[in-house]
Protein backbone atom coordinates (compact mmCIF):
# COMPACT_ATOMS: atom_id res chain seq x y z
CA MET A 1 1.49 -9.30 -0.75
CA VAL A 2 2.87 -13.27 -0.90
CA VAL A 3 0.14 -15.90 -0.01
CA ASP A 4 0.34 -16.75 3.17
CA SER A 5 1.76 -13.36 4.54
CA ASP A 6 0.68 -12.68 8.64
CA SER A 7 -1.23 -10.39 9.91
CA PRO A 8 -3.01 -9.45 12.90
CA LEU A 9 -5.77 -11.89 12.07
CA GLY A 10 -4.00 -15.12 10.95
CA PRO A 11 -2.80 -15.35 7.35
CA ILE A 12 -2.89 -14.63 4.08
CA ASP A 13 -4.02 -16.64 1.53
CA GLY A 14 -6.53 -16.81 -1.43
CA ALA A 15 -9.15 -18.27 1.23
CA VAL A 16 -8.79 -14.65 3.23
CA ARG A 17 -11.66 -13.22 4.30
CA LYS A 18 -11.18 -10.27 6.79
CA VAL A 19 -8.17 -8.02 7.18
CA MET A 20 -8.00 -5.39 9.90
CA THR A 21 -7.70 -1.90 9.29
CA PRO A 22 -6.50 0.46 11.06
CA ASP A 23 -10.55 1.46 12.12
CA GLY A 24 -11.34 -1.85 12.55
CA GLU A 25 -12.16 -5.13 10.51
CA ALA A 26 -13.00 -5.09 6.92
CA VAL A 27 -14.74 -7.84 4.93
CA VAL A 28 -12.75 -8.93 1.72
CA VAL A 29 -15.20 -8.68 -0.98
CA ARG A 30 -13.34 -10.93 -3.47
CA CYS A 31 -9.14 -11.34 -4.40
CA TYR A 32 -7.04 -13.86 -6.23
CA VAL A 33 -3.62 -15.23 -6.76
CA ALA A 34 -1.25 -14.85 -9.84
CA PRO A 35 2.48 -14.77 -9.67
CA ALA A 36 4.01 -11.19 -9.65
CA ASN A 37 7.44 -9.72 -9.32
CA CYS A 38 8.01 -8.75 -5.39
CA VAL A 39 10.34 -7.81 -3.04
CA HIS A 40 11.12 -7.56 0.35
CA VAL A 41 10.17 -4.25 2.56
CA THR A 42 12.19 -3.78 5.68
CA CYS A 43 11.99 -0.90 8.62
CA GLU A 44 13.76 -0.05 11.05
CA ASN A 45 10.83 -1.14 13.84
CA GLY A 46 11.27 -4.63 12.39
CA ALA A 47 7.98 -4.28 9.80
CA SER A 48 8.66 -5.99 6.90
CA LEU A 49 6.52 -6.83 4.22
CA THR A 50 6.64 -9.12 1.53
CA CYS A 51 4.39 -7.92 -1.56
CA SER A 52 3.95 -6.74 -5.36
CA LEU A 53 6.42 -4.18 -6.74
CA ASP A 54 3.74 -2.12 -6.96
CA ALA A 55 2.20 -2.68 -3.58
CA PRO A 56 0.90 0.51 -2.56
CA LEU A 57 2.59 1.28 1.70
CA MET A 58 1.28 3.78 3.03
CA LEU A 59 3.30 7.11 4.09
CA GLY A 60 2.34 9.51 6.54
CA ASP A 61 0.47 11.97 4.01
CA GLY A 62 0.36 9.81 0.88
CA ILE A 63 1.27 6.43 -0.85
CA VAL A 64 4.31 4.44 -1.58
CA GLU A 65 5.35 1.38 -4.02
CA ALA A 66 7.30 -1.30 -2.57
CA VAL A 67 9.99 -1.22 -5.13
CA ASP A 68 9.88 3.17 -4.31
CA ALA A 69 9.87 3.04 -0.39
CA MET A 70 13.43 2.87 0.79
CA HIS A 71 14.92 5.63 3.34
CA LYS A 72 10.28 6.13 2.92
CA GLU A 73 8.59 7.08 5.94
CA ILE A 74 5.30 4.15 6.08
CA GLN A 75 3.16 3.40 8.02
CA THR A 76 3.65 0.10 10.22
CA CYS A 77 1.13 -0.92 13.58
CA ASP A 78 3.31 0.88 15.97
CA GLY A 79 4.00 4.39 13.72
CA LEU A 80 5.63 5.61 11.12
CA SER A 81 8.81 3.68 10.15
CA LYS A 82 11.97 4.32 8.19
CA VAL A 83 12.24 1.59 5.48
CA VAL A 84 16.05 0.25 5.60
CA GLY A 85 15.12 -2.73 3.09
CA VAL A 86 14.04 -3.78 -0.47
CA GLU A 87 15.60 -6.80 -1.38
CA TRP A 88 14.49 -7.93 -4.95
CA LEU A 89 13.21 -11.78 -4.92
CA GLY A 90 11.73 -12.04 -8.25
CA ALA A 91 8.36 -13.97 -8.85
CA GLN A 92 6.30 -15.12 -5.84
CA PRO A 93 2.37 -15.76 -6.21
CA VAL A 94 1.19 -12.57 -4.55
CA VAL A 95 -2.93 -12.65 -2.95
CA ALA A 96 -4.36 -9.30 -4.25
CA ILE A 97 -7.15 -8.04 -2.34
CA ASP A 98 -10.19 -6.14 -3.13
CA ALA A 99 -12.01 -4.97 0.69
CA GLY A 100 -12.98 -1.58 -0.95
CA ASP A 101 -10.94 1.49 0.00
CA VAL A 102 -8.99 0.77 2.82
CA ALA A 103 -4.78 0.03 4.13
CA PHE A 104 -4.64 -3.74 6.02
CA TYR A 105 -2.21 -4.60 8.38
CA ALA A 106 -0.01 -7.46 6.98
CA GLY A 107 3.59 -9.46 6.59
CA GLN A 108 5.40 -9.24 9.92
CA ALA A 109 4.66 -7.70 13.18
CA PRO A 110 4.40 -4.54 13.98
CA TYR A 111 2.57 -5.14 10.35
CA ILE A 112 3.68 -2.51 7.77
CA LEU A 113 -0.06 -0.56 6.76
CA HIS A 114 -0.46 -2.02 2.78
CA HIS A 115 -3.82 -0.44 0.64
CA ASN A 116 -5.96 -2.73 -1.19
CA LYS A 117 -6.23 -3.41 -4.52
CA LEU A 118 -9.79 -2.36 -6.21
CA ILE A 119 -10.65 -5.44 -8.79
CA PRO A 120 -12.93 -4.76 -11.10
C-alpha cells in the first residue's frame, strides 16, 4: 500500500513495526519503500485502499490482485464487500511489508484485508 496508508494501529510507513490481522497483531519482520504503479480500490461499504497493481486482496476463498478486483467480493473489517471502483493512479511510493504469511487490514475504515509480501 502507499506510504502513510491508515490502519487500525496507525499510519503505515517505512517504520511500521506491527500490523493488525483478523487474529490480532503481527510483528513486521522487514519492510521497504519503493515506487510502484498503483490503483485506488473502493468497496460498497466505504472501505478503500491505495496499493500497487499486484497487491494481493483477500476474497472469501482466495486472493485477487488489486488491478483485477473490480466487482469481486473482498474481505474488509466489516465482512465481504463488493469492489465498486479501481482507479489508476500511476507511480506512487509503496510500502512492502513482510509480517510472515498473514493478511492485515489497511486503507480507509472499514479497512481492506491485504495479504503481505514475503521479502527474501
